[in-house]
């Protein structure tokens, strides 16, 4: 599993006093920190080589937006409605995405670190090779997704819906799998640790017990 490529950001980023938020607009080579973001619905907006820090984006609705070479740091995206978004070389670090709707996301070289995605909806997304590290995804919907070669390390996956997703060479080591919703056949090719192997056996209805000594034979 090769590591995702990091965002390519210029050494100096513009810090505009006023940002134009409009359909099919483009924010390029900008660094935005703790600035107001309007609660509007936009289509086709593009973000390229942008560093977004401590922004509250919860009210921003995007349709078919494109993010290329971007980094989100400590942003609040709780409950955002971003359908059919494209991410290319994008990182999210310590961001809140609780209840975020990210249906049909298309991602290449996407990384999320220490993010909260409880009850997020990522159904029907292409997340091949995506890395989610130390994230919380409890009760999230990640069904019908392409997760091949993805890494979900040290994540909370309790109750997450992963049914009908593609799992070849997915690394789940260190993650909590209690109550995970998944079809047995979908787990072929996943990488887990020994403790998780027992958890998966429980998900499949398999009981694992030590061999007990037969009192009648002493064997």
C-alpha atoms as a PDB file:
ATOM      1  CA  UNK A   1       0.000   0.000   0.000  1.00  0.00           C
ATOM      2  CA  UNK A   2       1.693   3.162  -1.147  1.00  0.00           C
ATOM      3  CA  UNK A   3       1.229   6.351   0.838  1.00  0.00           C
ATOM      4  CA  UNK A   4      -1.029   9.044  -0.647  1.00  0.00           C
ATOM      5  CA  UNK A   5       0.765  11.963  -2.227  1.00  0.00           C
ATOM      6  CA  UNK A   6       0.692  15.082   0.007  1.00  0.00           C
ATOM      7  CA  UNK A   7      -0.803  18.396  -1.104  1.00  0.00           C
ATOM      8  CA  UNK A   8       1.502  20.617  -3.129  1.00  0.00           C
ATOM      9  CA  UNK A   9       1.293  24.040  -1.469  1.00  0.00           C
ATOM     10  CA  UNK A  10       3.331  27.141  -2.387  1.00  0.00           C
ATOM     11  CA  UNK A  11       5.570  28.681   0.247  1.00  0.00           C
ATOM     12  CA  UNK A  12       3.528  31.880   0.265  1.00  0.00           C
ATOM     13  CA  UNK A  13      -0.258  31.895   0.216  1.00  0.00           C
ATOM     14  CA  UNK A  14      -2.517  34.881  -0.325  1.00  0.00           C
ATOM     15  CA  UNK A  15      -4.636  36.000   2.603  1.00  0.00           C
ATOM     16  CA  UNK A  16      -7.450  38.001   0.994  1.00  0.00           C
ATOM     17  CA  UNK A  17      -9.539  40.325   3.144  1.00  0.00           C
ATOM     18  CA  UNK A  18     -12.642  39.295   1.222  1.00  0.00           C
ATOM     19  CA  UNK A  19     -13.370  35.979  -0.463  1.00  0.00           C
ATOM     20  CA  UNK A  20     -15.779  35.658  -3.384  1.00  0.00           C
ATOM     21  CA  UNK A  21     -17.990  32.611  -2.946  1.00  0.00           C
ATOM     22  CA  UNK A  22     -19.847  31.915  -6.192  1.00  0.00           C
ATOM     23  CA  UNK A  23     -20.928  29.134  -8.544  1.00  0.00           C
ATOM     24  CA  UNK A  24     -17.981  27.788 -10.567  1.00  0.00           C
ATOM     25  CA  UNK A  25     -15.627  30.186  -8.813  1.00  0.00           C
ATOM     26  CA  UNK A  26     -12.008  29.341  -7.981  1.00  0.00           C
ATOM     27  CA  UNK A  27      -9.967  29.947  -4.840  1.00  0.00           C
ATOM     28  CA  UNK A  28      -6.300  29.496  -5.754  1.00  0.00           C
ATOM     29  CA  UNK A  29      -3.144  29.744  -3.620  1.00  0.00           C
ATOM     30  CA  UNK A  30      -4.975  31.107  -0.581  1.00  0.00           C
ATOM     31  CA  UNK A  31      -4.553  30.660   3.147  1.00  0.00           C
ATOM     32  CA  UNK A  32      -7.744  31.255   5.120  1.00  0.00           C
ATOM     33  CA  UNK A  33      -7.730  31.234   8.918  1.00  0.00           C
ATOM     34  CA  UNK A  34     -10.743  31.759  11.177  1.00  0.00           C
ATOM     35  CA  UNK A  35     -12.684  33.720   8.560  1.00  0.00           C
ATOM     36  CA  UNK A  36     -16.482  33.804   8.119  1.00  0.00           C
ATOM     37  CA  UNK A  37     -17.941  31.454   5.518  1.00  0.00           C
ATOM     38  CA  UNK A  38     -21.427  32.151   4.146  1.00  0.00           C
ATOM     39  CA  UNK A  39     -24.301  29.674   4.480  1.00  0.00           C
ATOM     40  CA  UNK A  40     -25.000  29.329   0.756  1.00  0.00           C
ATOM     41  CA  UNK A  41     -25.377  26.595  -1.855  1.00  0.00           C
ATOM     42  CA  UNK A  42     -22.790  26.613  -4.644  1.00  0.00           C
ATOM     43  CA  UNK A  43     -22.140  24.473  -7.690  1.00  0.00           C
ATOM     44  CA  UNK A  44     -18.855  23.589  -9.312  1.00  0.00           C
ATOM     45  CA  UNK A  45     -16.638  25.727  -7.079  1.00  0.00           C
ATOM     46  CA  UNK A  46     -12.939  24.930  -7.168  1.00  0.00           C
ATOM     47  CA  UNK A  47     -10.232  25.113  -4.511  1.00  0.00           C
ATOM     48  CA  UNK A  48      -6.588  24.733  -5.550  1.00  0.00           C
ATOM     49  CA  UNK A  49      -3.483  24.955  -3.364  1.00  0.00           C
ATOM     50  CA  UNK A  50      -5.468  26.211  -0.379  1.00  0.00           C
ATOM     51  CA  UNK A  51      -4.778  25.953   3.328  1.00  0.00           C
ATOM     52  CA  UNK A  52      -7.961  26.266   5.393  1.00  0.00           C
ATOM     53  CA  UNK A  53      -7.559  26.632   9.154  1.00  0.00           C
ATOM     54  CA  UNK A  54     -10.192  26.936  11.887  1.00  0.00           C
ATOM     55  CA  UNK A  55     -13.027  27.637   9.466  1.00  0.00           C
ATOM     56  CA  UNK A  56     -16.669  26.877  10.228  1.00  0.00           C
ATOM     57  CA  UNK A  57     -17.992  25.404   6.995  1.00  0.00           C
ATOM     58  CA  UNK A  58     -21.159  23.787   8.355  1.00  0.00           C
ATOM     59  CA  UNK A  59     -23.532  26.084   6.451  1.00  0.00           C
ATOM     60  CA  UNK A  60     -21.754  25.817   3.087  1.00  0.00           C
ATOM     61  CA  UNK A  61     -23.541  23.468   0.665  1.00  0.00           C
ATOM     62  CA  UNK A  62     -21.456  22.368  -2.305  1.00  0.00           C
ATOM     63  CA  UNK A  63     -22.388  20.421  -5.417  1.00  0.00           C
ATOM     64  CA  UNK A  64     -19.635  18.902  -7.565  1.00  0.00           C
ATOM     65  CA  UNK A  65     -16.897  20.973  -5.970  1.00  0.00           C
ATOM     66  CA  UNK A  66     -13.232  20.250  -6.688  1.00  0.00           C
ATOM     67  CA  UNK A  67     -10.432  20.397  -4.103  1.00  0.00           C
ATOM     68  CA  UNK A  68      -6.862  19.963  -5.397  1.00  0.00           C
ATOM     69  CA  UNK A  69      -3.725  20.269  -3.252  1.00  0.00           C
ATOM     70  CA  UNK A  70      -5.644  21.473  -0.176  1.00  0.00           C
ATOM     71  CA  UNK A  71      -5.169  21.082   3.560  1.00  0.00           C
ATOM     72  CA  UNK A  72      -7.933  21.472   6.164  1.00  0.00           C
ATOM     73  CA  UNK A  73      -6.773  22.055   9.744  1.00  0.00           C
ATOM     74  CA  UNK A  74      -9.106  22.142  12.770  1.00  0.00           C
ATOM     75  CA  UNK A  75     -12.108  23.040  10.608  1.00  0.00           C
ATOM     76  CA  UNK A  76     -15.746  22.394  11.536  1.00  0.00           C
ATOM     77  CA  UNK A  77     -17.586  20.633   8.718  1.00  0.00           C
ATOM     78  CA  UNK A  78     -20.292  19.122  10.912  1.00  0.00           C
ATOM     79  CA  UNK A  79     -23.431  18.436   8.890  1.00  0.00           C
ATOM     80  CA  UNK A  80     -22.057  19.796   5.611  1.00  0.00           C
ATOM     81  CA  UNK A  81     -23.862  18.715   2.443  1.00  0.00           C
ATOM     82  CA  UNK A  82     -21.171  18.186  -0.197  1.00  0.00           C
ATOM     83  CA  UNK A  83     -22.359  15.724  -2.828  1.00  0.00           C
ATOM     84  CA  UNK A  84     -20.187  14.475  -5.698  1.00  0.00           C
ATOM     85  CA  UNK A  85     -17.105  16.282  -4.415  1.00  0.00           C
ATOM     86  CA  UNK A  86     -13.688  15.548  -5.952  1.00  0.00           C
ATOM     87  CA  UNK A  87     -10.609  15.490  -3.697  1.00  0.00           C
ATOM     88  CA  UNK A  88      -7.097  15.234  -5.174  1.00  0.00           C
ATOM     89  CA  UNK A  89      -4.090  15.359  -2.840  1.00  0.00           C
ATOM     90  CA  UNK A  90      -6.123  16.644   0.111  1.00  0.00           C
ATOM     91  CA  UNK A  91      -5.538  16.322   3.865  1.00  0.00           C
ATOM     92  CA  UNK A  92      -7.960  16.813   6.769  1.00  0.00           C
ATOM     93  CA  UNK A  93      -6.282  17.173  10.171  1.00  0.00           C
ATOM     94  CA  UNK A  94      -8.221  17.340  13.454  1.00  0.00           C
ATOM     95  CA  UNK A  95     -11.443  18.332  11.694  1.00  0.00           C
ATOM     96  CA  UNK A  96     -15.051  17.758  12.758  1.00  0.00           C
ATOM     97  CA  UNK A  97     -17.238  16.103  10.130  1.00  0.00           C
ATOM     98  CA  UNK A  98     -20.024  14.725  12.341  1.00  0.00           C
ATOM     99  CA  UNK A  99     -23.095  14.001  10.237  1.00  0.00           C
ATOM    100  CA  UNK A 100     -21.409  15.297   7.087  1.00  0.00           C
ATOM    101  CA  UNK A 101     -23.080  14.207   3.845  1.00  0.00           C
ATOM    102  CA  UNK A 102     -20.365  13.365   1.316  1.00  0.00           C
ATOM    103  CA  UNK A 103     -22.290  11.121  -1.054  1.00  0.00           C
ATOM    104  CA  UNK A 104     -20.531   9.906  -4.216  1.00  0.00           C
ATOM    105  CA  UNK A 105     -17.186  11.426  -3.278  1.00  0.00           C
ATOM    106  CA  UNK A 106     -14.334  10.858  -5.741  1.00  0.00           C
ATOM    107  CA  UNK A 107     -10.966  10.799  -3.990  1.00  0.00           C
ATOM    108  CA  UNK A 108      -7.338  10.365  -5.019  1.00  0.00           C
ATOM    109  CA  UNK A 109      -4.534  10.740  -2.457  1.00  0.00           C
ATOM    110  CA  UNK A 110      -6.916  11.664   0.379  1.00  0.00           C
ATOM    111  CA  UNK A 111      -5.808  11.552   4.038  1.00  0.00           C
ATOM    112  CA  UNK A 112      -7.839  12.183   7.206  1.00  0.00           C
ATOM    113  CA  UNK A 113      -5.978  12.319  10.521  1.00  0.00           C
ATOM    114  CA  UNK A 114      -7.591  12.555  13.959  1.00  0.00           C
ATOM    115  CA  UNK A 115     -10.951  13.563  12.497  1.00  0.00           C
ATOM    116  CA  UNK A 116     -14.467  12.997  13.856  1.00  0.00           C
ATOM    117  CA  UNK A 117     -16.851  11.513  11.294  1.00  0.00           C
ATOM    118  CA  UNK A 118     -19.544  10.042  13.522  1.00  0.00           C
ATOM    119  CA  UNK A 119     -22.767   9.450  11.538  1.00  0.00           C
ATOM    120  CA  UNK A 120     -21.177  10.824   8.377  1.00  0.00           C
ATOM    121  CA  UNK A 121     -22.583   9.610   5.041  1.00  0.00           C
ATOM    122  CA  UNK A 122     -20.034   8.573   2.406  1.00  0.00           C
ATOM    123  CA  UNK A 123     -22.152   6.044   0.544  1.00  0.00           C
ATOM    124  CA  UNK A 124     -21.309   5.233  -3.080  1.00  0.00           C
ATOM    125  CA  UNK A 125     -17.911   6.943  -2.858  1.00  0.00           C
ATOM    126  CA  UNK A 126     -14.645   6.054  -4.552  1.00  0.00           C
ATOM    127  CA  UNK A 127     -12.089   6.081  -1.729  1.00  0.00           C
ATOM    128  CA  UNK A 128      -9.482   3.739  -3.136  1.00  0.00           C
ATOM    129  CA  UNK A 129      -6.133   4.190  -1.388  1.00  0.00           C
ATOM    130  CA  UNK A 130      -7.552   6.702   1.112  1.00  0.00           C
ATOM    131  CA  UNK A 131      -5.938   6.836   4.566  1.00  0.00           C
ATOM    132  CA  UNK A 132      -8.048   7.381   7.700  1.00  0.00           C
ATOM    133  CA  UNK A 133      -5.808   7.473  10.764  1.00  0.00           C
ATOM    134  CA  UNK A 134      -7.024   7.798  14.368  1.00  0.00           C
ATOM    135  CA  UNK A 135     -10.508   8.824  13.206  1.00  0.00           C
ATOM    136  CA  UNK A 136     -13.950   8.243  14.718  1.00  0.00           C
ATOM    137  CA  UNK A 137     -16.498   6.821  12.283  1.00  0.00           C
ATOM    138  CA  UNK A 138     -19.026   5.269  14.659  1.00  0.00           C
ATOM    139  CA  UNK A 139     -22.441   4.802  13.007  1.00  0.00           C
ATOM    140  CA  UNK A 140     -21.146   6.264   9.737  1.00  0.00           C
ATOM    141  CA  UNK A 141     -22.494   5.058   6.382  1.00  0.00           C
ATOM    142  CA  UNK A 142     -19.651   3.878   4.160  1.00  0.00           C
ATOM    143  CA  UNK A 143     -21.666   1.359   2.175  1.00  0.00           C
ATOM    144  CA  UNK A 144     -21.305   0.638  -1.554  1.00  0.00           C
ATOM    145  CA  UNK A 145     -17.868   2.290  -1.557  1.00  0.00           C
ATOM    146  CA  UNK A 146     -14.596   1.405  -3.243  1.00  0.00           C
ATOM    147  CA  UNK A 147     -12.186   1.051  -0.313  1.00  0.00           C
ATOM    148  CA  UNK A 148      -9.578  -1.080  -2.042  1.00  0.00           C
ATOM    149  CA  UNK A 149      -6.048  -0.512  -0.728  1.00  0.00           C
ATOM    150  CA  UNK A 150      -7.366   1.949   1.864  1.00  0.00           C
ATOM    151  CA  UNK A 151      -5.924   2.235   5.368  1.00  0.00           C
ATOM    152  CA  UNK A 152      -8.248   2.635   8.364  1.00  0.00           C
ATOM    153  CA  UNK A 153      -5.771   2.430  11.234  1.00  0.00           C
ATOM    154  CA  UNK A 154      -6.642   2.974  14.908  1.00  0.00           C
ATOM    155  CA  UNK A 155     -10.148   4.155  14.010  1.00  0.00           C
ATOM    156  CA  UNK A 156     -13.440   3.735  15.857  1.00  0.00           C
ATOM    157  CA  UNK A 157     -15.630   1.753  13.439  1.00  0.00           C
ATOM    158  CA  UNK A 158     -18.309   0.773  15.940  1.00  0.00           C
ATOM    159  CA  UNK A 159     -21.618   0.365  14.140  1.00  0.00           C
ATOM    160  CA  UNK A 160     -20.272   1.660  10.828  1.00  0.00           C
ATOM    161  CA  UNK A 161     -22.169   0.380   7.770  1.00  0.00           C
ATOM    162  CA  UNK A 162     -19.689  -1.068   5.268  1.00  0.00           C
ATOM    163  CA  UNK A 163     -22.019  -3.371   3.404  1.00  0.00           C
ATOM    164  CA  UNK A 164     -21.437  -3.918  -0.307  1.00  0.00           C
ATOM    165  CA  UNK A 165     -18.105  -2.085  -0.205  1.00  0.00           C
ATOM    166  CA  UNK A 166     -14.922  -3.324  -1.883  1.00  0.00           C
ATOM    167  CA  UNK A 167     -12.265  -4.286   0.660  1.00  0.00           C
ATOM    168  CA  UNK A 168      -9.309  -5.811  -1.181  1.00  0.00           C
ATOM    169  CA  UNK A 169      -6.073  -5.084   0.735  1.00  0.00           C
ATOM    170  CA  UNK A 170      -7.787  -2.802   3.268  1.00  0.00           C
ATOM    171  CA  UNK A 171      -5.727  -2.332   6.449  1.00  0.00           C
ATOM    172  CA  UNK A 172      -7.961  -2.270   9.544  1.00  0.00           C
ATOM    173  CA  UNK A 173      -5.299  -2.951  12.166  1.00  0.00           C
ATOM    174  CA  UNK A 174      -5.773  -1.241  15.501  1.00  0.00           C
ATOM    175  CA  UNK A 175      -9.353  -0.211  14.763  1.00  0.00           C
ATOM    176  CA  UNK A 176     -12.432  -0.953  16.863  1.00  0.00           C
ATOM    177  CA  UNK A 177     -14.802  -3.222  14.930  1.00  0.00           C
ATOM    178  CA  UNK A 178     -17.650  -3.797  17.418  1.00  0.00           C
ATOM    179  CA  UNK A 179     -21.041  -3.872  15.734  1.00  0.00           C
ATOM    180  CA  UNK A 180     -19.596  -3.181  12.302  1.00  0.00           C
ATOM    181  CA  UNK A 181     -22.154  -3.938   9.577  1.00  0.00           C
ATOM    182  CA  UNK A 182     -20.576  -5.918   6.775  1.00  0.00           C
ATOM    183  CA  UNK A 183     -21.262  -8.987   4.649  1.00  0.00           C
ATOM    184  CA  UNK A 184     -18.847 -11.891   5.298  1.00  0.00           C
ATOM    185  CA  UNK A 185     -17.835 -12.131   1.647  1.00  0.00           C
ATOM    186  CA  UNK A 186     -16.867  -8.450   1.627  1.00  0.00           C
ATOM    187  CA  UNK A 187     -14.064  -9.087   4.140  1.00  0.00           C
ATOM    188  CA  UNK A 188     -11.928 -11.145   1.817  1.00  0.00           C
ATOM    189  CA  UNK A 189      -8.433  -9.735   1.601  1.00  0.00           C
ATOM    190  CA  UNK A 190      -8.570  -7.392   4.623  1.00  0.00           C
ATOM    191  CA  UNK A 191      -5.581  -7.017   6.945  1.00  0.00           C
ATOM    192  CA  UNK A 192      -6.348  -7.293  10.683  1.00  0.00           C
ATOM    193  CA  UNK A 193      -4.477  -8.011  13.910  1.00  0.00           C
ATOM    194  CA  UNK A 194      -5.067 -11.048  16.139  1.00  0.00           C
ATOM    195  CA  UNK A 195      -7.572  -9.382  18.455  1.00  0.00           C
ATOM    196  CA  UNK A 196      -9.588  -8.131  15.493  1.00  0.00           C
ATOM    197  CA  UNK A 197      -9.672 -11.638  14.049  1.00  0.00           C
ATOM    198  CA  UNK A 198     -11.665 -12.661  17.134  1.00  0.00           C
ATOM    199  CA  UNK A 199     -13.954  -9.638  16.735  1.00  0.00           C
ATOM    200  CA  UNK A 200     -14.614 -10.531  13.115  1.00  0.00           C
ATOM    201  CA  UNK A 201     -15.381 -14.107  14.133  1.00  0.00           C
ATOM    202  CA  UNK A 202     -18.019 -12.705  16.476  1.00  0.00           C
ATOM    203  CA  UNK A 203     -19.476 -10.569  13.671  1.00  0.00           C
ATOM    204  CA  UNK A 204     -19.808 -13.717  11.588  1.00  0.00           C
ATOM    205  CA  UNK A 205     -21.482 -15.638  14.412  1.00  0.00           C
ATOM    206  CA  UNK A 206     -18.449 -17.855  15.028  1.00  0.00           C
ATOM    207  CA  UNK A 207     -17.673 -18.842  18.634  1.00  0.00           C
ATOM    208  CA  UNK A 208     -13.996 -19.184  19.511  1.00  0.00           C
ATOM    209  CA  UNK A 209     -13.217 -21.332  22.570  1.00  0.00           C
ATOM    210  CA  UNK A 210     -10.196 -23.034  24.008  1.00  0.00           C
ATOM    211  CA  UNK A 211     -10.151 -26.848  23.949  1.00  0.00           C
ATOM    212  CA  UNK A 212     -11.378 -28.088  27.307  1.00  0.00           C
ATOM    213  CA  UNK A 213      -9.999 -31.181  28.983  1.00  0.00           C
ATOM    214  CA  UNK A 214     -12.352 -34.161  28.686  1.00  0.00           C
ATOM    215  CA  UNK A 215     -12.943 -35.315  32.293  1.00  0.00           C
ATOM    216  CA  UNK A 216     -13.775 -38.822  31.069  1.00  0.00           C
ATOM    217  CA  UNK A 217     -10.578 -39.485  29.198  1.00  0.00           C
ATOM    218  CA  UNK A 218      -8.195 -37.011  30.762  1.00  0.00           C
ATOM    219  CA  UNK A 219      -7.395 -35.847  27.247  1.00  0.00           C
END
